[in-house]
Protein backbone atom coordinates (compact mmCIF):
# COMPACT_ATOMS: atom_id res chain seq x y z
CA UNK A 1 -6.82 34.12 1.72
CA UNK A 2 -6.19 32.79 5.22
CA UNK A 3 -5.97 29.02 5.30
CA UNK A 4 -5.65 27.11 8.54
CA UNK A 5 -3.86 23.80 9.06
CA UNK A 6 -5.76 20.63 9.87
CA UNK A 7 -5.13 21.00 13.59
CA UNK A 8 -7.13 24.22 13.67
CA UNK A 9 -10.71 24.83 12.59
CA UNK A 10 -12.16 28.27 11.94
CA UNK A 11 -15.30 29.44 13.66
CA UNK A 12 -14.67 27.86 17.04
CA UNK A 13 -15.84 24.37 16.01
CA UNK A 14 -14.28 21.32 17.57
CA UNK A 15 -11.34 19.90 15.59
CA UNK A 16 -12.33 16.98 13.41
CA UNK A 17 -8.81 15.76 12.76
CA UNK A 18 -5.36 15.94 14.27
CA UNK A 19 -2.60 13.75 15.56
CA UNK A 20 -4.03 10.77 17.41
CA UNK A 21 -2.46 9.69 20.71
CA UNK A 22 0.10 6.94 20.37
CA UNK A 23 -1.31 3.45 20.89
CA UNK A 24 -0.39 1.52 24.02
CA UNK A 25 2.22 -1.16 23.51
CA UNK A 26 2.80 -4.43 25.32
CA UNK A 27 -0.36 -5.67 27.08
CA UNK A 28 -3.70 -5.37 25.25
CA UNK A 29 -5.67 -2.15 25.77
CA UNK A 30 -8.19 -4.07 27.89
CA UNK A 31 -5.53 -5.32 30.28
CA UNK A 32 -6.07 -3.93 33.81
CA UNK A 33 -2.30 -3.87 34.31
CA UNK A 34 -1.76 -1.85 31.17
CA UNK A 35 -4.54 0.54 32.15
CA UNK A 36 -3.15 1.03 35.62
CA UNK A 37 0.56 1.21 34.74
CA UNK A 38 1.07 2.62 31.25
CA UNK A 39 4.67 2.63 30.08
CA UNK A 40 6.51 5.53 28.46
CA UNK A 41 5.38 4.38 25.01
CA UNK A 42 1.77 5.05 26.01
CA UNK A 43 2.32 8.78 26.46
CA UNK A 44 0.43 10.80 23.77
CA UNK A 45 2.66 12.51 21.29
CA UNK A 46 2.66 16.29 21.37
CA UNK A 47 0.72 17.70 18.46
CA UNK A 48 2.50 20.24 16.29
CA UNK A 49 1.43 23.85 16.53
CA UNK A 50 -1.37 24.82 14.16
CA UNK A 51 -0.42 26.81 11.09
CA UNK A 52 -2.19 29.58 9.22
CA UNK A 53 -1.44 30.81 5.71
CA UNK A 54 -2.05 34.55 5.39
CA UNK A 55 -1.82 37.04 2.55
CA UNK A 56 -0.89 40.48 3.85
CA UNK A 57 -1.32 43.58 1.67
CA UNK A 58 0.08 47.04 2.42
CA UNK A 59 -0.11 50.42 0.69
CA UNK A 60 0.82 53.97 1.60
CA UNK A 61 -1.91 55.75 -0.34
CA UNK A 62 -0.95 59.44 0.20
CA UNK A 63 -4.62 60.07 0.90
CA UNK A 64 -4.11 63.67 1.92
CA UNK A 65 -1.11 64.88 -0.06
CA UNK A 66 -2.25 63.48 -3.43
CA UNK A 67 -6.01 63.15 -2.97
CA UNK A 68 -7.02 65.82 -0.48
CA UNK A 69 -9.28 63.32 1.25
CA UNK A 70 -11.32 62.50 -1.85
CA UNK A 71 -13.38 59.31 -1.88
CA UNK A 72 -14.55 59.76 -5.48
CA UNK A 73 -11.34 60.23 -7.52
CA UNK A 74 -10.56 56.53 -7.97
CA UNK A 75 -8.42 55.84 -4.89
CA UNK A 76 -11.05 53.85 -3.00
CA UNK A 77 -11.78 51.80 -6.13
CA UNK A 78 -8.07 51.12 -6.61
CA UNK A 79 -7.60 49.93 -3.02
CA UNK A 80 -10.60 47.61 -3.07
CA UNK A 81 -9.81 46.19 -6.52
CA UNK A 82 -6.25 45.32 -5.51
CA UNK A 83 -7.28 43.78 -2.18
CA UNK A 84 -9.83 41.54 -3.89
CA UNK A 85 -7.56 40.67 -6.85
CA UNK A 86 -4.73 39.53 -4.58
CA UNK A 87 -6.95 37.56 -2.22
CA UNK A 88 -5.56 39.49 0.73
CA UNK A 89 -6.98 38.81 4.16
CA UNK A 90 -4.84 41.28 6.13
CA UNK A 91 -4.80 44.86 4.81
CA UNK A 92 -2.65 47.80 5.93
CA UNK A 93 -3.10 51.41 4.83
CA UNK A 94 -0.75 54.31 5.62
CA UNK A 95 -1.51 58.01 5.08
CA UNK A 96 -5.21 57.26 4.69
CA UNK A 97 -7.90 59.82 5.48
CA UNK A 98 -10.62 58.80 7.90
CA UNK A 99 -13.33 59.14 5.23
CA UNK A 100 -11.29 57.03 2.80
CA UNK A 101 -10.94 54.34 5.46
CA UNK A 102 -14.71 54.35 5.96
CA UNK A 103 -15.36 54.23 2.20
CA UNK A 104 -13.00 51.28 1.71
CA UNK A 105 -14.78 49.39 4.50
CA UNK A 106 -18.20 50.13 3.04
CA UNK A 107 -17.14 48.98 -0.42
CA UNK A 108 -15.61 45.76 0.88
CA UNK A 109 -18.83 45.06 2.75
CA UNK A 110 -20.90 45.69 -0.38
CA UNK A 111 -18.73 43.27 -2.36
CA UNK A 112 -19.08 40.50 0.20
CA UNK A 113 -15.69 40.45 1.85
CA UNK A 114 -15.61 37.49 4.27
CA UNK A 115 -16.04 39.59 7.39
CA UNK A 116 -17.95 42.78 8.13
CA UNK A 117 -15.22 45.45 7.93
CA UNK A 118 -17.01 47.43 10.61
CA UNK A 119 -16.26 44.59 13.04
CA UNK A 120 -12.84 43.64 11.70
CA UNK A 121 -11.01 46.89 11.05
CA UNK A 122 -9.45 49.79 12.94
CA UNK A 123 -8.28 53.35 12.29
CA UNK A 124 -5.76 55.43 14.24
CA UNK A 125 -5.51 59.17 13.60
CA UNK A 126 -1.96 60.52 13.47
CA UNK A 127 -2.42 63.94 11.84
CA UNK A 128 -5.29 66.42 12.03
CA UNK A 129 -6.11 70.02 11.16
CA UNK A 130 -8.25 72.13 8.86
CA UNK A 131 -5.68 71.68 6.07
CA UNK A 132 -5.66 67.88 6.36
CA UNK A 133 -8.01 65.52 4.49
CA UNK A 134 -10.70 68.19 3.95
CA UNK A 135 -10.92 68.69 7.70
CA UNK A 136 -10.84 65.02 8.73
CA UNK A 137 -7.84 63.26 10.32
CA UNK A 138 -5.31 61.12 8.47
CA UNK A 139 -3.63 58.08 9.88
CA UNK A 140 -3.24 54.31 9.85
CA UNK A 141 -5.83 51.63 9.08
CA UNK A 142 -6.03 47.85 9.15
CA UNK A 143 -8.68 45.48 7.81
CA UNK A 144 -9.01 41.75 8.41
CA UNK A 145 -11.06 39.31 6.38
CA UNK A 146 -11.78 37.50 9.64
CA UNK A 147 -13.19 38.89 12.91
CA UNK A 148 -10.74 40.56 15.26
CA UNK A 149 -10.65 40.90 18.99
CA UNK A 150 -8.36 43.30 20.80
CA UNK A 151 -7.23 46.51 19.09
CA UNK A 152 -4.09 48.20 20.38
CA UNK A 153 -2.50 51.51 19.43
CA UNK A 154 0.99 52.36 20.69
CA UNK A 155 2.15 55.98 20.52
CA UNK A 156 5.68 56.27 19.13
CA UNK A 157 8.32 58.74 20.36
CA UNK A 158 7.49 62.18 19.02
CA UNK A 159 9.65 63.65 16.25
CA UNK A 160 8.73 67.29 16.93
CA UNK A 161 6.38 67.55 13.95
CA UNK A 162 2.60 68.01 13.79
CA UNK A 163 2.17 64.29 13.36
CA UNK A 164 1.97 61.86 16.28
CA UNK A 165 3.09 58.55 14.81
CA UNK A 166 1.81 55.24 16.12
CA UNK A 167 1.73 51.48 15.80
CA UNK A 168 -1.76 50.02 15.25
CA UNK A 169 -2.41 46.31 15.86
CA UNK A 170 -5.40 43.97 15.81
CA UNK A 171 -5.56 40.45 17.22
CA UNK A 172 -7.39 37.70 15.36
CA UNK A 173 -10.09 35.77 17.19
CA UNK A 174 -9.51 32.70 15.07
CA UNK A 175 -6.78 31.64 14.69
CA UNK A 176 -6.03 32.89 18.18
CA UNK A 177 -2.49 34.14 18.55
CA UNK A 178 -2.24 35.88 15.17
CA UNK A 179 -1.61 39.64 15.42
CA UNK A 180 -1.42 42.12 12.54
CA UNK A 181 0.19 45.54 12.89
CA UNK A 182 0.83 48.59 10.74
CA UNK A 183 3.01 51.65 11.27
CA UNK A 184 4.45 54.63 9.40
CA UNK A 185 7.83 55.76 10.73
CA UNK A 186 9.11 59.32 10.43
CA UNK A 187 11.76 60.42 7.94
CA UNK A 188 13.33 62.70 10.55
CA UNK A 189 16.87 61.91 11.63
CA UNK A 190 16.98 64.81 14.06
CA UNK A 191 18.15 64.12 17.61
CA UNK A 192 15.54 63.33 20.22
CA UNK A 193 15.63 65.76 23.18
CA UNK A 194 14.98 62.78 25.46
CA UNK A 195 17.94 60.52 24.69
CA UNK A 196 19.70 62.06 21.70
CA UNK A 197 18.84 59.22 19.34
CA UNK A 198 17.64 60.07 15.84
CA UNK A 199 13.84 60.22 15.75
CA UNK A 200 13.56 57.51 13.10
CA UNK A 201 15.76 55.13 15.10
CA UNK A 202 13.78 55.78 18.27
CA UNK A 203 10.47 55.06 16.52
CA UNK A 204 11.76 51.87 14.88
CA UNK A 205 13.05 50.70 18.27
CA UNK A 206 9.66 51.38 19.88
CA UNK A 207 7.85 49.43 17.15
CA UNK A 208 10.25 46.50 17.47
CA UNK A 209 9.96 46.48 21.26
CA UNK A 210 6.16 46.32 21.04
CA UNK A 211 6.23 43.57 18.42
CA UNK A 212 8.72 41.54 20.44
CA UNK A 213 6.53 41.95 23.53
CA UNK A 214 3.70 40.41 21.53
CA UNK A 215 5.96 37.54 20.54
CA UNK A 216 7.00 37.01 24.16
CA UNK A 217 3.30 36.81 25.08
CA UNK A 218 2.83 34.00 22.53
CA UNK A 219 1.55 35.92 19.52
CA UNK A 220 2.65 35.46 15.93
CA UNK A 221 2.98 39.00 14.61
CA UNK A 222 2.84 40.22 11.00
CA UNK A 223 4.12 43.80 10.68
CA UNK A 224 3.37 46.00 7.66
CA UNK A 225 4.28 49.59 7.01
CA UNK A 226 6.24 52.37 5.45
CA UNK A 227 9.34 52.37 7.66
CA UNK A 228 11.13 55.08 5.66
CA UNK A 229 14.25 52.92 5.74
CA UNK A 230 15.80 50.70 3.09
CA UNK A 231 16.79 47.14 4.01
CA UNK A 232 20.53 47.93 4.00
CA UNK A 233 20.20 50.85 6.44
CA UNK A 234 21.87 50.19 9.77
CA UNK A 235 18.78 51.25 11.68
CA UNK A 236 17.07 48.06 10.43
CA UNK A 237 19.90 45.75 11.52
CA UNK A 238 17.98 44.98 14.71
CA UNK A 239 15.09 43.71 12.58
CA UNK A 240 16.67 41.54 9.91
CA UNK A 241 17.89 38.08 10.81
CA UNK A 242 21.63 37.59 10.23
CA UNK A 243 22.54 37.23 6.57
CA UNK A 244 19.14 38.23 5.22
CA UNK A 245 19.38 42.00 4.72
CA UNK A 246 20.97 43.77 1.78
CA UNK A 247 23.88 44.85 3.97
CA UNK A 248 24.34 41.41 5.51
CA UNK A 249 24.46 43.20 8.84
CA UNK A 250 21.25 41.85 10.31
CA UNK A 251 21.32 40.90 13.98
CA UNK A 252 17.58 40.55 14.55
CA UNK A 253 14.98 37.79 14.22
CA UNK A 254 12.75 38.84 11.32
CA UNK A 255 12.38 38.07 7.64
CA UNK A 256 10.99 40.61 5.19
CA UNK A 257 8.70 38.70 2.85
CA UNK A 258 10.24 40.16 -0.31
CA UNK A 259 13.83 39.37 0.69
CA UNK A 260 13.96 36.39 -1.69
CA UNK A 261 13.19 38.51 -4.77
CA UNK A 262 15.51 37.26 -7.53
CA UNK A 263 16.02 40.78 -8.87
CA UNK A 264 17.54 41.99 -5.61
CA UNK A 265 18.02 39.18 -3.05
CA UNK A 266 17.95 40.34 0.55
CA UNK A 267 16.30 43.62 -0.39
CA UNK A 268 13.32 43.17 -2.67
CA UNK A 269 11.61 45.40 -5.20
CA UNK A 270 11.36 49.16 -4.93
CA UNK A 271 8.18 50.60 -3.41
CA UNK A 272 8.47 54.41 -3.48
CA UNK A 273 9.06 57.03 -6.15
CA UNK A 274 11.28 60.06 -5.76
CA UNK A 275 14.99 60.30 -4.91
CA UNK A 276 16.20 57.57 -2.57
CA UNK A 277 17.83 58.61 0.69
CA UNK A 278 20.81 56.48 -0.30
CA UNK A 279 21.48 54.47 -3.48
CA UNK A 280 19.62 51.14 -3.31
CA UNK A 281 21.87 48.05 -3.41
CA UNK A 282 20.61 46.86 -6.79
CA UNK A 283 20.13 50.25 -8.42
CA UNK A 284 23.43 50.39 -10.25
CA UNK A 285 23.72 54.08 -9.42
CA UNK A 286 20.73 54.98 -11.59
CA UNK A 287 18.34 57.77 -10.54
CA UNK A 288 14.70 57.10 -9.68
CA UNK A 289 12.51 58.29 -12.55
CA UNK A 290 9.26 57.05 -14.11
CA UNK A 291 11.31 55.88 -17.09
CA UNK A 292 14.05 54.19 -15.05
CA UNK A 293 13.04 52.87 -11.63
CA UNK A 294 16.30 51.08 -10.79
CA UNK A 295 17.26 53.82 -8.37
CA UNK A 296 13.94 53.90 -6.53
CA UNK A 297 13.91 52.83 -2.88
CA UNK A 298 12.24 50.00 -1.02
CA UNK A 299 10.89 51.55 2.18
CA UNK A 300 7.64 49.56 2.58
CA UNK A 301 7.95 46.22 4.33
CA UNK A 302 6.16 43.06 5.49
CA UNK A 303 8.00 41.52 8.44
CA UNK A 304 7.42 38.17 10.18
CA UNK A 305 9.60 36.59 12.86
CA UNK A 306 11.60 33.84 11.18
CA UNK A 307 11.00 31.29 13.95
CA UNK A 308 7.26 31.47 13.22
CA UNK A 309 7.58 30.93 9.47
CA UNK A 310 6.90 27.46 8.09
CA UNK A 311 8.09 26.73 4.57
CA UNK A 312 8.49 29.14 1.70
CA UNK A 313 7.06 32.64 1.48
CA UNK A 314 6.62 35.14 -1.33
CA UNK A 315 6.01 38.83 -1.83
CA UNK A 316 5.60 41.25 -4.72
CA UNK A 317 5.46 45.01 -5.22
CA UNK A 318 2.56 45.75 -7.55
CA UNK A 319 2.27 48.44 -10.20
CA UNK A 320 0.70 51.66 -8.96
CA UNK A 321 -2.76 52.12 -10.52
CA UNK A 322 -2.99 55.12 -12.87
CA UNK A 323 -6.74 55.59 -12.44
CA UNK A 324 -6.95 58.46 -9.94
CA UNK A 325 -8.38 61.48 -11.68
CA UNK A 326 -7.35 64.14 -9.15
CA UNK A 327 -3.60 63.47 -9.45
CA UNK A 328 -2.07 65.84 -11.98
CA UNK A 329 1.34 64.22 -11.89
CA UNK A 330 4.81 65.57 -11.19
CA UNK A 331 8.36 64.83 -12.38
CA UNK A 332 8.59 61.62 -10.38
CA UNK A 333 4.95 60.62 -10.75
CA UNK A 334 2.79 60.15 -13.87
CA UNK A 335 -0.63 61.77 -14.09
CA UNK A 336 -3.36 59.63 -12.60
CA UNK A 337 -1.01 57.74 -10.27
CA UNK A 338 -3.00 56.76 -7.19
CA UNK A 339 0.04 57.04 -4.91
CA UNK A 340 3.75 57.75 -4.83
CA UNK A 341 4.13 54.25 -3.35
CA UNK A 342 3.44 50.80 -4.79
CA UNK A 343 1.18 48.26 -3.07
CA UNK A 344 3.11 45.41 -1.46
CA UNK A 345 1.58 41.95 -1.02
CA UNK A 346 3.04 38.81 0.54
CA UNK A 347 1.91 35.31 1.45
CA UNK A 348 3.39 33.30 4.31
CA UNK A 349 2.51 30.25 6.40
CA UNK A 350 3.11 30.78 10.10
CA UNK A 351 2.83 28.77 13.27
CA UNK A 352 0.31 30.07 15.77
CA UNK A 353 -0.19 29.19 19.40
CA UNK A 354 -2.71 26.52 20.27
């Protein structure tokens, strides 16, 4: 759950503790001369930036392709149970149907989540049609355990498909300066008719530009999503800080919260079933099967700018629940699997603006 450092108090109350101004030196505090002409030692020390510890949780739930928009086959229960079990306070959903988003919010509210999800969540439709989600749109969703203020949706460069991909962000009211975003980037590597860049590269660049604009404005941004790119892919070099990615080719400013995983340092645990686009760095050349997951890909991520991180951070890819009754299974997916992705959860302490 979100914990705030001593310099910051939730709920808008006045701080009750913090760094006291430095005491005057030399003449006593009651001395007129000291009061009129304070020396350099009398200047108050700058207080450190407040910190907030957040637990971010992300899952691509395949709400249409595996569930057909159902809210009664176990998916909603699986989402809510995992959110509550992990103590998450920032929640990201990809490929979620609008009615599933509403059902998750209602269930969280029933179970006493810290904030009313109706006032601290957002949905962005990215795909619609009579064959989608039983006639309702599918898209992105975010939930916050604390009230949010501004909601922003950025349309990403189009990949020529039916789907209009986007970046969805919410800004926390308290602590001010914390921003949480989710996105789902295309798999298409086809050339854009606008500038010739591959569609996936263009979308990743648009997401990064928006996130960096938030940073430039003073926000601390946590980014979650299915980026359809493994950490060692060159198109993520602009994200990963130097020396942190599986390829070692990072030239960006971000840490992925699972990059310290001892099983695959710099990359983290796999998150998606099915054949990987390229062999994962720690897969040993094995295929991706339910019986042997070494060759499965990590394409879901939790990114935070490294200059906003304070101290250690952790992340974990969780087992996919096998409690969804409408999923018959397939060669890469056991029956009852609630998604072809694994939930990803991470905890990090970040500095936020005063």
